[in-house]
Each structure stands twice: as C-alpha cells, then as structure tokens.
Amino acid sequence: MIHNLELPVLSLADWRESRNTLHQYAKLAGQLRAAFMPRQKHWGHITLHAAASGLTTTPMPVDGKTLELLLDCTSHRFAMSTSHGEKCELPLEKQSIASVRGGVLEALRGMGIEPEFDGSTFSDQALAAYDGRSVERYWRAVAWIDSVFKCFKGELRGNTGPVHVFPHHFDLSVNWFSGRLVPGVDPADEESSEEQMNFGFLSGDDAIPEAYFYVTAYPTPKDLTDAPLPDGAYWHHEGFTGAIMPYDTIRAAGNPELMLLNYLRTVQQAGAQRM
C-alpha cells in the first residue's frame, strides 16, 4: 500500500447533485444485476464491486454467456460487454436518468438480452447533474478505501463477506460474522440470525452530512459504546448506533492507511469481545 498518498477532498456540498446522479446509475446497475445473478446471502446478488476504473456488476450469467456492466468513473461511461465479444458504451455526462436507462436497455436488446426489472424509478427526463472531476475524486477515494478494506478483511478470522457497494445506500462495506447465532431468532432467517459487524464508508447522508467511515454491530452489545475509540473517532447514537471516523480525519493523517486500519481493528476487537 502507498502510505504518503494525498487523498482527495470529498466535501458533499460541492458535489451532492453529481453524487446523487452517480447513485442513481449505481441503483440501475444494481437492479440489472439482481435480474441476472443467482440469489446470494445477505443481498450479495444486488451489490457492485470495485474494478480498476469504476463499479462493476462482475460477470453475470445470461443465456449461455456472461454479461458485465461497468460504471466507469474515469471515462464516464456506462460500459456493457459479454463473453461473446459484444460491447457497447454510453456517456454518463449530459444525460437524463431516463435516457441512460433507455440506452442501456436498447443496447442489451441489441445483444439479445431482455432483463426483467421495474425501471419506473429511472424515469426522470431532466438533464442530470454530473461533474466528471468530482466523480473522479470520489472514485480515487473509493478505490483506495476498497484496497484498505480488503487488507483488513484478510486479517480477520472467521467468516467474512465481500467488499462491495450496496446501491440502495451507496456505501462500500464488508461484513464480519462471529460464527454465533442471535438468540431468539429463527436460524433459517439468513438475514437476521447471524451475529455480525459491518464496516463501511459513505460519502455523506442525511444522518451525517460529510464523508465518513462507520462500524456497526448486530445485535448491538449493550456496553459497546463504552469501548474507547482511537483519536478522531466517536460513537454515534441518532438513528443508528455505531462508531464513526470522519473521512477528513483520515485524509489529514500522516499515514491514512495505518490510521484507518487501526480504527477498523480497534472497533472490531471491541465488538468481538462484547458480542
């Protein structure tokens, strides 16, 4: 990992509308992934993954071939390709949400692919805000965070989920599972029966308006918030209970990777001891 990198500024006020547009494109890619991917635990069939230049659906099985969709955050294209050599790219800048949805579906039909999904939420025909430089700054941050999360994931004993992006909330996250079931919950309930912790990154939301890292535990141990946190982090209680580390605090650190890993490790150990 590179220790002396300069992480980009991610002030949400400067790119909120562009972020919201990118979020809509991610939701579109996620709904298409859900239409093609076999169902996976913990909603893994709807998530996106970090590629070299953006967010990918990963290859998906479609009628004897594979299809991959890529939100390219460097060339600002919605790219589609198949294992049969079919390719198509659509611009993300100076478009409406509806035109991107229509262009993607038309391109897929040209490849002989007819997804079954409800695209009614992508019907806005107004020109969508999309600032390429802001998207590139976001992507540089996410690409680095993805690498650090994968390093952290590799350290953990026990079962972990993939590092991936959930389109509905637009957070990059990874889960760790304690291996124990939650008392009183039906073991057949795969979404709620396993003790787990979630480690994630958000570019800002209604709860916290600036970019931040979070750690939550399910179920939340009663004394979890008594655990000391590294400098710069704090416990959040409104809307959800979890540890928060502002992105700007990590960005300003002399060694951002070490500071982020220390935060993730500290909260994980505190949660594991109390669950």
C-alpha atoms as a PDB file:
ATOM      1  CA  MET A   1       0.000   0.000   0.000  1.00  0.00           C
ATOM      2  CA  ILE A   2       1.056   3.618  -0.576  1.00  0.00           C
ATOM      3  CA  HIS A   3       1.400   5.469   2.711  1.00  0.00           C
ATOM      4  CA  ASN A   4       2.184   9.009   1.544  1.00  0.00           C
ATOM      5  CA  LEU A   5      -0.698   9.392  -0.889  1.00  0.00           C
ATOM      6  CA  GLU A   6      -2.833  12.514  -0.961  1.00  0.00           C
ATOM      7  CA  LEU A   7      -6.491  11.597  -0.619  1.00  0.00           C
ATOM      8  CA  PRO A   8      -8.937  13.874  -2.457  1.00  0.00           C
ATOM      9  CA  VAL A   9     -11.282  16.353  -0.793  1.00  0.00           C
ATOM     10  CA  LEU A  10     -14.848  14.988  -0.673  1.00  0.00           C
ATOM     11  CA  SER A  11     -17.000  17.853   0.572  1.00  0.00           C
ATOM     12  CA  LEU A  12     -20.544  16.664  -0.129  1.00  0.00           C
ATOM     13  CA  ALA A  13     -21.828  20.220  -0.543  1.00  0.00           C
ATOM     14  CA  ASP A  14     -19.552  20.614  -3.570  1.00  0.00           C
ATOM     15  CA  TRP A  15     -20.877  17.625  -5.492  1.00  0.00           C
ATOM     16  CA  ARG A  16     -24.128  16.487  -3.877  1.00  0.00           C
ATOM     17  CA  GLU A  17     -26.162  16.636  -7.105  1.00  0.00           C
ATOM     18  CA  SER A  18     -23.489  14.788  -9.080  1.00  0.00           C
ATOM     19  CA  ARG A  19     -23.225  12.228  -6.272  1.00  0.00           C
ATOM     20  CA  ASN A  20     -26.986  11.725  -6.408  1.00  0.00           C
ATOM     21  CA  THR A  21     -26.804  11.163 -10.170  1.00  0.00           C
ATOM     22  CA  LEU A  22     -23.999   8.630  -9.792  1.00  0.00           C
ATOM     23  CA  HIS A  23     -26.053   6.989  -7.053  1.00  0.00           C
ATOM     24  CA  GLN A  24     -28.972   6.593  -9.484  1.00  0.00           C
ATOM     25  CA  TYR A  25     -26.686   4.998 -12.065  1.00  0.00           C
ATOM     26  CA  ALA A  26     -25.429   2.601  -9.392  1.00  0.00           C
ATOM     27  CA  LYS A  27     -29.014   1.695  -8.489  1.00  0.00           C
ATOM     28  CA  LEU A  28     -29.716   0.976 -12.149  1.00  0.00           C
ATOM     29  CA  ALA A  29     -26.687  -1.310 -12.386  1.00  0.00           C
ATOM     30  CA  GLY A  30     -27.695  -2.980  -9.120  1.00  0.00           C
ATOM     31  CA  GLN A  31     -31.238  -3.675 -10.292  1.00  0.00           C
ATOM     32  CA  LEU A  32     -29.914  -5.179 -13.507  1.00  0.00           C
ATOM     33  CA  ARG A  33     -27.501  -7.332 -11.510  1.00  0.00           C
ATOM     34  CA  ALA A  34     -30.400  -8.522  -9.370  1.00  0.00           C
ATOM     35  CA  ALA A  35     -32.241  -9.518 -12.560  1.00  0.00           C
ATOM     36  CA  PHE A  36     -29.414 -11.774 -13.749  1.00  0.00           C
ATOM     37  CA  MET A  37     -27.433 -13.011 -10.752  1.00  0.00           C
ATOM     38  CA  PRO A  38     -28.401 -16.124  -8.806  1.00  0.00           C
ATOM     39  CA  ARG A  39     -29.661 -15.168  -5.373  1.00  0.00           C
ATOM     40  CA  GLN A  40     -26.948 -14.861  -2.726  1.00  0.00           C
ATOM     41  CA  LYS A  41     -26.970 -14.491   1.044  1.00  0.00           C
ATOM     42  CA  HIS A  42     -27.166 -11.031   2.571  1.00  0.00           C
ATOM     43  CA  TRP A  43     -28.294  -9.493  -0.725  1.00  0.00           C
ATOM     44  CA  GLY A  44     -24.962 -10.182  -2.397  1.00  0.00           C
ATOM     45  CA  HIS A  45     -26.728 -10.565  -5.754  1.00  0.00           C
ATOM     46  CA  ILE A  46     -27.584  -6.839  -5.915  1.00  0.00           C
ATOM     47  CA  THR A  47     -24.216  -5.357  -4.947  1.00  0.00           C
ATOM     48  CA  LEU A  48     -21.489  -3.814  -7.077  1.00  0.00           C
ATOM     49  CA  HIS A  49     -17.733  -4.303  -6.801  1.00  0.00           C
ATOM     50  CA  ALA A  50     -14.744  -2.050  -7.312  1.00  0.00           C
ATOM     51  CA  ALA A  51     -12.930  -2.510 -10.612  1.00  0.00           C
ATOM     52  CA  ALA A  52      -9.846  -0.602 -11.765  1.00  0.00           C
ATOM     53  CA  SER A  53     -11.853   2.306 -13.177  1.00  0.00           C
ATOM     54  CA  GLY A  54     -15.249   2.131 -11.513  1.00  0.00           C
ATOM     55  CA  LEU A  55     -18.046  -0.039 -10.192  1.00  0.00           C
ATOM     56  CA  THR A  56     -18.776  -3.367 -11.844  1.00  0.00           C
ATOM     57  CA  THR A  57     -21.566  -5.895 -11.617  1.00  0.00           C
ATOM     58  CA  THR A  58     -18.898  -8.600 -12.131  1.00  0.00           C
ATOM     59  CA  PRO A  59     -19.685 -11.136 -14.906  1.00  0.00           C
ATOM     60  CA  MET A  60     -23.288 -12.334 -14.735  1.00  0.00           C
ATOM     61  CA  PRO A  61     -24.732 -15.473 -16.357  1.00  0.00           C
ATOM     62  CA  VAL A  62     -27.185 -14.670 -19.176  1.00  0.00           C
ATOM     63  CA  ASP A  63     -28.434 -17.282 -21.666  1.00  0.00           C
ATOM     64  CA  GLY A  64     -25.237 -19.270 -22.025  1.00  0.00           C
ATOM     65  CA  LYS A  65     -22.873 -16.294 -21.904  1.00  0.00           C
ATOM     66  CA  THR A  66     -21.741 -13.765 -19.324  1.00  0.00           C
ATOM     67  CA  LEU A  67     -22.578 -10.077 -19.207  1.00  0.00           C
ATOM     68  CA  GLU A  68     -20.681  -7.404 -17.298  1.00  0.00           C
ATOM     69  CA  LEU A  69     -21.793  -3.830 -16.657  1.00  0.00           C
ATOM     70  CA  LEU A  70     -19.289  -1.170 -15.596  1.00  0.00           C
ATOM     71  CA  LEU A  71     -19.877   2.339 -14.308  1.00  0.00           C
ATOM     72  CA  ASP A  72     -16.582   3.767 -15.485  1.00  0.00           C
ATOM     73  CA  CYS A  73     -15.790   6.720 -13.221  1.00  0.00           C
ATOM     74  CA  THR A  74     -12.682   7.697 -15.185  1.00  0.00           C
ATOM     75  CA  SER A  75     -14.024   7.807 -18.755  1.00  0.00           C
ATOM     76  CA  HIS A  76     -17.585   8.469 -17.515  1.00  0.00           C
ATOM     77  CA  ARG A  77     -19.215   5.698 -19.480  1.00  0.00           C
ATOM     78  CA  PHE A  78     -21.783   3.001 -18.773  1.00  0.00           C
ATOM     79  CA  ALA A  79     -19.991   0.079 -20.407  1.00  0.00           C
ATOM     80  CA  MET A  80     -21.545  -3.264 -21.323  1.00  0.00           C
ATOM     81  CA  SER A  81     -19.654  -6.323 -22.568  1.00  0.00           C
ATOM     82  CA  THR A  82     -20.264 -10.044 -22.955  1.00  0.00           C
ATOM     83  CA  SER A  83     -18.130 -13.159 -23.173  1.00  0.00           C
ATOM     84  CA  HIS A  84     -19.164 -13.363 -26.854  1.00  0.00           C
ATOM     85  CA  GLY A  85     -17.310 -10.144 -27.643  1.00  0.00           C
ATOM     86  CA  GLU A  86     -20.324  -7.826 -27.749  1.00  0.00           C
ATOM     87  CA  LYS A  87     -19.596  -4.329 -26.420  1.00  0.00           C
ATOM     88  CA  CYS A  88     -21.361  -1.018 -26.004  1.00  0.00           C
ATOM     89  CA  GLU A  89     -20.623   2.205 -24.114  1.00  0.00           C
ATOM     90  CA  LEU A  90     -22.962   5.067 -23.240  1.00  0.00           C
ATOM     91  CA  PRO A  91     -21.936   8.506 -21.905  1.00  0.00           C
ATOM     92  CA  LEU A  92     -22.881   9.406 -18.340  1.00  0.00           C
ATOM     93  CA  GLU A  93     -22.334  13.146 -18.709  1.00  0.00           C
ATOM     94  CA  LYS A  94     -25.024  15.475 -20.088  1.00  0.00           C
ATOM     95  CA  GLN A  95     -27.719  12.822 -19.880  1.00  0.00           C
ATOM     96  CA  SER A  96     -31.004  12.278 -18.091  1.00  0.00           C
ATOM     97  CA  ILE A  97     -31.576   9.270 -15.871  1.00  0.00           C
ATOM     98  CA  ALA A  98     -34.294   8.131 -18.274  1.00  0.00           C
ATOM     99  CA  SER A  99     -32.037   8.402 -21.331  1.00  0.00           C
ATOM    100  CA  VAL A 100     -29.305   6.324 -19.677  1.00  0.00           C
ATOM    101  CA  ARG A 101     -31.840   3.684 -18.659  1.00  0.00           C
ATOM    102  CA  GLY A 102     -33.304   3.629 -22.173  1.00  0.00           C
ATOM    103  CA  GLY A 103     -29.879   3.478 -23.795  1.00  0.00           C
ATOM    104  CA  VAL A 104     -28.758   0.608 -21.596  1.00  0.00           C
ATOM    105  CA  LEU A 105     -31.900  -1.416 -22.280  1.00  0.00           C
ATOM    106  CA  GLU A 106     -31.654  -0.759 -26.019  1.00  0.00           C
ATOM    107  CA  ALA A 107     -28.017  -1.838 -26.060  1.00  0.00           C
ATOM    108  CA  LEU A 108     -28.839  -5.012 -24.148  1.00  0.00           C
ATOM    109  CA  ARG A 109     -31.630  -5.834 -26.588  1.00  0.00           C
ATOM    110  CA  GLY A 110     -29.099  -5.476 -29.380  1.00  0.00           C
ATOM    111  CA  MET A 111     -27.116  -8.191 -27.622  1.00  0.00           C
ATOM    112  CA  GLY A 112     -30.200 -10.396 -27.391  1.00  0.00           C
ATOM    113  CA  ILE A 113     -30.671  -9.730 -23.680  1.00  0.00           C
ATOM    114  CA  GLU A 114     -34.049  -8.781 -22.208  1.00  0.00           C
ATOM    115  CA  PRO A 115     -33.810  -8.098 -18.455  1.00  0.00           C
ATOM    116  CA  GLU A 116     -36.907  -8.404 -16.312  1.00  0.00           C
ATOM    117  CA  PHE A 117     -36.900  -5.493 -13.897  1.00  0.00           C
ATOM    118  CA  ASP A 118     -39.000  -2.483 -12.957  1.00  0.00           C
ATOM    119  CA  GLY A 119     -37.288   0.562 -14.421  1.00  0.00           C
ATOM    120  CA  SER A 120     -40.014   3.019 -13.418  1.00  0.00           C
ATOM    121  CA  THR A 121     -37.805   4.638 -10.784  1.00  0.00           C
ATOM    122  CA  PHE A 122     -35.408   5.738 -13.546  1.00  0.00           C
ATOM    123  CA  SER A 123     -37.911   7.854 -15.485  1.00  0.00           C
ATOM    124  CA  ASP A 124     -36.618  11.373 -14.750  1.00  0.00           C
ATOM    125  CA  GLN A 125     -36.120  13.067 -18.111  1.00  0.00           C
ATOM    126  CA  ALA A 126     -34.436  16.210 -16.764  1.00  0.00           C
ATOM    127  CA  LEU A 127     -30.763  16.703 -17.578  1.00  0.00           C
ATOM    128  CA  ALA A 128     -28.928  15.179 -14.607  1.00  0.00           C
ATOM    129  CA  ALA A 129     -26.070  16.959 -12.865  1.00  0.00           C
ATOM    130  CA  TYR A 130     -22.778  15.162 -13.423  1.00  0.00           C
ATOM    131  CA  ASP A 131     -19.411  16.777 -12.752  1.00  0.00           C
ATOM    132  CA  GLY A 132     -16.704  14.461 -14.041  1.00  0.00           C
ATOM    133  CA  ARG A 133     -13.930  15.859 -11.858  1.00  0.00           C
ATOM    134  CA  SER A 134     -15.979  15.361  -8.700  1.00  0.00           C
ATOM    135  CA  VAL A 135     -16.789  11.793  -9.708  1.00  0.00           C
ATOM    136  CA  GLU A 136     -13.094  11.126 -10.350  1.00  0.00           C
ATOM    137  CA  ARG A 137     -12.174  12.439  -6.891  1.00  0.00           C
ATOM    138  CA  TYR A 138     -14.790  10.186  -5.342  1.00  0.00           C
ATOM    139  CA  TRP A 139     -13.518   7.237  -7.320  1.00  0.00           C
ATOM    140  CA  ARG A 140      -9.892   7.779  -6.284  1.00  0.00           C
ATOM    141  CA  ALA A 141     -11.005   7.714  -2.664  1.00  0.00           C
ATOM    142  CA  VAL A 142     -13.203   4.632  -3.087  1.00  0.00           C
ATOM    143  CA  ALA A 143     -10.520   2.707  -4.981  1.00  0.00           C
ATOM    144  CA  TRP A 144      -8.086   3.312  -2.134  1.00  0.00           C
ATOM    145  CA  ILE A 145     -10.639   2.501   0.575  1.00  0.00           C
ATOM    146  CA  ASP A 146     -11.550  -0.723  -1.222  1.00  0.00           C
ATOM    147  CA  SER A 147      -7.891  -1.780  -1.048  1.00  0.00           C
ATOM    148  CA  VAL A 148      -7.635  -0.981   2.670  1.00  0.00           C
ATOM    149  CA  PHE A 149     -10.887  -2.806   3.425  1.00  0.00           C
ATOM    150  CA  LYS A 150      -9.594  -5.863   1.589  1.00  0.00           C
ATOM    151  CA  CYS A 151      -6.395  -5.746   3.635  1.00  0.00           C
ATOM    152  CA  PHE A 152      -8.477  -5.549   6.826  1.00  0.00           C
ATOM    153  CA  LYS A 153     -10.757  -8.371   5.646  1.00  0.00           C
ATOM    154  CA  GLY A 154      -7.721 -10.573   5.090  1.00  0.00           C
ATOM    155  CA  GLU A 155      -6.680 -10.162   8.721  1.00  0.00           C
ATOM    156  CA  LEU A 156      -9.980 -11.339  10.173  1.00  0.00           C
ATOM    157  CA  ARG A 157     -10.502 -14.851  11.455  1.00  0.00           C
ATOM    158  CA  GLY A 158     -13.844 -16.445  10.741  1.00  0.00           C
ATOM    159  CA  ASN A 159     -16.360 -15.811   8.005  1.00  0.00           C
ATOM    160  CA  THR A 160     -16.394 -12.506   6.142  1.00  0.00           C
ATOM    161  CA  GLY A 161     -18.422 -11.174   3.256  1.00  0.00           C
ATOM    162  CA  PRO A 162     -17.025  -9.499   0.152  1.00  0.00           C
ATOM    163  CA  VAL A 163     -16.000  -5.861  -0.010  1.00  0.00           C
ATOM    164  CA  HIS A 164     -18.788  -4.413  -2.127  1.00  0.00           C
ATOM    165  CA  VAL A 165     -21.105  -1.464  -2.698  1.00  0.00           C
ATOM    166  CA  PHE A 166     -24.780  -1.598  -1.772  1.00  0.00           C
ATOM    167  CA  PRO A 167     -26.541   0.565  -4.378  1.00  0.00           C
ATOM    168  CA  HIS A 168     -29.540   1.447  -2.193  1.00  0.00           C
ATOM    169  CA  HIS A 169     -27.446   3.412   0.345  1.00  0.00           C
ATOM    170  CA  PHE A 170     -24.336   3.749  -1.829  1.00  0.00           C
ATOM    171  CA  ASP A 171     -21.944   2.527   0.844  1.00  0.00           C
ATOM    172  CA  LEU A 172     -18.800   0.467   0.367  1.00  0.00           C
ATOM    173  CA  SER A 173     -18.741  -2.165   3.100  1.00  0.00           C
ATOM    174  CA  VAL A 174     -17.575  -5.534   4.352  1.00  0.00           C
ATOM    175  CA  ASN A 175     -19.147  -7.800   6.987  1.00  0.00           C
ATOM    176  CA  TRP A 176     -17.527  -9.978   9.634  1.00  0.00           C
ATOM    177  CA  PHE A 177     -19.518 -12.806  11.246  1.00  0.00           C
ATOM    178  CA  SER A 178     -18.801 -14.058  14.758  1.00  0.00           C
ATOM    179  CA  GLY A 179     -19.984 -17.587  13.912  1.00  0.00           C
ATOM    180  CA  ARG A 180     -22.721 -17.450  16.540  1.00  0.00           C
ATOM    181  CA  LEU A 181     -26.479 -17.261  16.050  1.00  0.00           C
ATOM    182  CA  VAL A 182     -28.588 -14.492  17.561  1.00  0.00           C
ATOM    183  CA  PRO A 183     -30.610 -15.907  20.490  1.00  0.00           C
ATOM    184  CA  GLY A 184     -34.341 -15.989  19.868  1.00  0.00           C
ATOM    185  CA  VAL A 185     -34.073 -15.550  16.100  1.00  0.00           C
ATOM    186  CA  ASP A 186     -35.109 -18.319  13.709  1.00  0.00           C
ATOM    187  CA  PRO A 187     -31.859 -19.875  12.414  1.00  0.00           C
ATOM    188  CA  ALA A 188     -33.496 -20.149   8.998  1.00  0.00           C
ATOM    189  CA  ASP A 189     -33.689 -16.347   8.810  1.00  0.00           C
ATOM    190  CA  GLU A 190     -30.420 -15.797   6.965  1.00  0.00           C
ATOM    191  CA  GLU A 191     -30.644 -12.006   7.174  1.00  0.00           C
ATOM    192  CA  SER A 192     -31.156 -11.705  10.930  1.00  0.00           C
ATOM    193  CA  SER A 193     -29.949 -14.893  12.585  1.00  0.00           C
ATOM    194  CA  GLU A 194     -26.165 -14.336  12.495  1.00  0.00           C
ATOM    195  CA  GLU A 195     -24.119 -12.122  14.803  1.00  0.00           C
ATOM    196  CA  GLN A 196     -22.127  -9.727  12.666  1.00  0.00           C
ATOM    197  CA  MET A 197     -20.322  -6.432  12.354  1.00  0.00           C
ATOM    198  CA  ASN A 198     -20.434  -4.095   9.360  1.00  0.00           C
ATOM    199  CA  PHE A 199     -17.518  -1.860   8.345  1.00  0.00           C
ATOM    200  CA  GLY A 200     -18.298   0.759   5.749  1.00  0.00           C
ATOM    201  CA  PHE A 201     -17.720   4.080   4.027  1.00  0.00           C
ATOM    202  CA  LEU A 202     -20.266   6.671   2.901  1.00  0.00           C
ATOM    203  CA  SER A 203     -19.776   9.932   1.040  1.00  0.00           C
ATOM    204  CA  GLY A 204     -22.323  11.545   3.401  1.00  0.00           C
ATOM    205  CA  ASP A 205     -26.042  11.145   4.027  1.00  0.00           C
ATOM    206  CA  ASP A 206     -28.953  12.611   5.988  1.00  0.00           C
ATOM    207  CA  ALA A 207     -27.543  11.327   9.279  1.00  0.00           C
ATOM    208  CA  ILE A 208     -24.005  12.674   8.777  1.00  0.00           C
ATOM    209  CA  PRO A 209     -23.569  15.251   6.004  1.00  0.00           C
ATOM    210  CA  GLU A 210     -19.880  14.631   5.277  1.00  0.00           C
ATOM    211  CA  ALA A 211     -17.945  11.550   4.167  1.00  0.00           C
ATOM    212  CA  TYR A 212     -17.324   9.071   6.980  1.00  0.00           C
ATOM    213  CA  PHE A 213     -16.364   5.554   7.950  1.00  0.00           C
ATOM    214  CA  TYR A 214     -18.718   3.594  10.174  1.00  0.00           C
ATOM    215  CA  VAL A 215     -18.714   0.368  12.168  1.00  0.00           C
ATOM    216  CA  THR A 216     -21.923  -1.196  13.485  1.00  0.00           C
ATOM    217  CA  ALA A 217     -22.671  -4.456  15.275  1.00  0.00           C
ATOM    218  CA  TYR A 218     -25.759  -6.666  15.099  1.00  0.00           C
ATOM    219  CA  PRO A 219     -27.178  -7.140  17.617  1.00  0.00           C
ATOM    220  CA  THR A 220     -25.560  -4.139  19.292  1.00  0.00           C
ATOM    221  CA  PRO A 221     -23.969  -5.159  22.623  1.00  0.00           C
ATOM    222  CA  LYS A 222     -25.273  -3.000  25.466  1.00  0.00           C
ATOM    223  CA  ASP A 223     -21.809  -1.885  26.540  1.00  0.00           C
ATOM    224  CA  LEU A 224     -20.275  -1.492  23.082  1.00  0.00           C
ATOM    225  CA  THR A 225     -20.316   2.298  23.262  1.00  0.00           C
ATOM    226  CA  ASP A 226     -18.285   2.143  26.491  1.00  0.00           C
ATOM    227  CA  ALA A 227     -15.313   0.953  24.464  1.00  0.00           C
ATOM    228  CA  PRO A 228     -12.604   3.576  23.902  1.00  0.00           C
ATOM    229  CA  LEU A 229     -12.048   4.665  20.324  1.00  0.00           C
ATOM    230  CA  PRO A 230      -8.940   5.907  18.514  1.00  0.00           C
ATOM    231  CA  ASP A 231      -8.348   9.657  18.341  1.00  0.00           C
ATOM    232  CA  GLY A 232     -10.734  11.339  15.906  1.00  0.00           C
ATOM    233  CA  ALA A 233     -13.469   8.683  16.158  1.00  0.00           C
ATOM    234  CA  TYR A 234     -16.674   8.937  18.151  1.00  0.00           C
ATOM    235  CA  TRP A 235     -19.811   6.961  18.961  1.00  0.00           C
ATOM    236  CA  HIS A 236     -22.947   7.918  17.031  1.00  0.00           C
ATOM    237  CA  HIS A 237     -26.388   7.352  18.600  1.00  0.00           C
ATOM    238  CA  GLU A 238     -29.018   9.125  16.467  1.00  0.00           C
ATOM    239  CA  GLY A 239     -30.801   6.826  14.011  1.00  0.00           C
ATOM    240  CA  PHE A 240     -28.240   4.067  14.454  1.00  0.00           C
ATOM    241  CA  THR A 241     -25.563   3.116  16.952  1.00  0.00           C
ATOM    242  CA  GLY A 242     -22.058   2.829  15.643  1.00  0.00           C
ATOM    243  CA  ALA A 243     -18.505   4.097  15.655  1.00  0.00           C
ATOM    244  CA  ILE A 244     -17.768   6.973  13.276  1.00  0.00           C
ATOM    245  CA  MET A 245     -14.462   8.185  11.860  1.00  0.00           C
ATOM    246  CA  PRO A 246     -14.700  11.244   9.594  1.00  0.00           C
ATOM    247  CA  TYR A 247     -13.077  10.815   6.203  1.00  0.00           C
ATOM    248  CA  ASP A 248     -11.378  14.200   6.597  1.00  0.00           C
ATOM    249  CA  THR A 249      -9.637  12.974   9.743  1.00  0.00           C
ATOM    250  CA  ILE A 250      -8.214  10.013   7.833  1.00  0.00           C
ATOM    251  CA  ARG A 251      -7.315  12.252   4.885  1.00  0.00           C
ATOM    252  CA  ALA A 252      -5.321  14.608   7.116  1.00  0.00           C
ATOM    253  CA  ALA A 253      -3.335  11.822   8.792  1.00  0.00           C
ATOM    254  CA  GLY A 254       0.346  11.328   8.089  1.00  0.00           C
ATOM    255  CA  ASN A 255      -0.347   7.661   7.384  1.00  0.00           C
ATOM    256  CA  PRO A 256      -4.010   7.339   6.310  1.00  0.00           C
ATOM    257  CA  GLU A 257      -3.801   3.572   5.762  1.00  0.00           C
ATOM    258  CA  LEU A 258      -2.446   2.874   9.240  1.00  0.00           C
ATOM    259  CA  MET A 259      -4.970   5.209  10.867  1.00  0.00           C
ATOM    260  CA  LEU A 260      -7.914   3.624   9.046  1.00  0.00           C
ATOM    261  CA  LEU A 261      -6.745   0.094   9.785  1.00  0.00           C
ATOM    262  CA  ASN A 262      -6.227   0.962  13.452  1.00  0.00           C
ATOM    263  CA  TYR A 263      -9.771   2.321  13.654  1.00  0.00           C
ATOM    264  CA  LEU A 264     -11.280  -0.764  11.994  1.00  0.00           C
ATOM    265  CA  ARG A 265      -9.201  -3.169  14.107  1.00  0.00           C
ATOM    266  CA  THR A 266      -9.966  -1.380  17.384  1.00  0.00           C
ATOM    267  CA  VAL A 267     -13.736  -1.380  16.909  1.00  0.00           C
ATOM    268  CA  GLN A 268     -13.771  -4.955  15.574  1.00  0.00           C
ATOM    269  CA  GLN A 269     -11.905  -6.202  18.633  1.00  0.00           C
ATOM    270  CA  ALA A 270     -14.184  -4.253  20.959  1.00  0.00           C
ATOM    271  CA  GLY A 271     -17.246  -5.739  19.281  1.00  0.00           C
ATOM    272  CA  ALA A 272     -15.871  -9.275  19.219  1.00  0.00           C
ATOM    273  CA  GLN A 273     -15.136  -9.117  22.944  1.00  0.00           C
ATOM    274  CA  ARG A 274     -18.654  -7.987  23.796  1.00  0.00           C
ATOM    275  CA  MET A 275     -20.852  -9.988  21.425  1.00  0.00           C
END
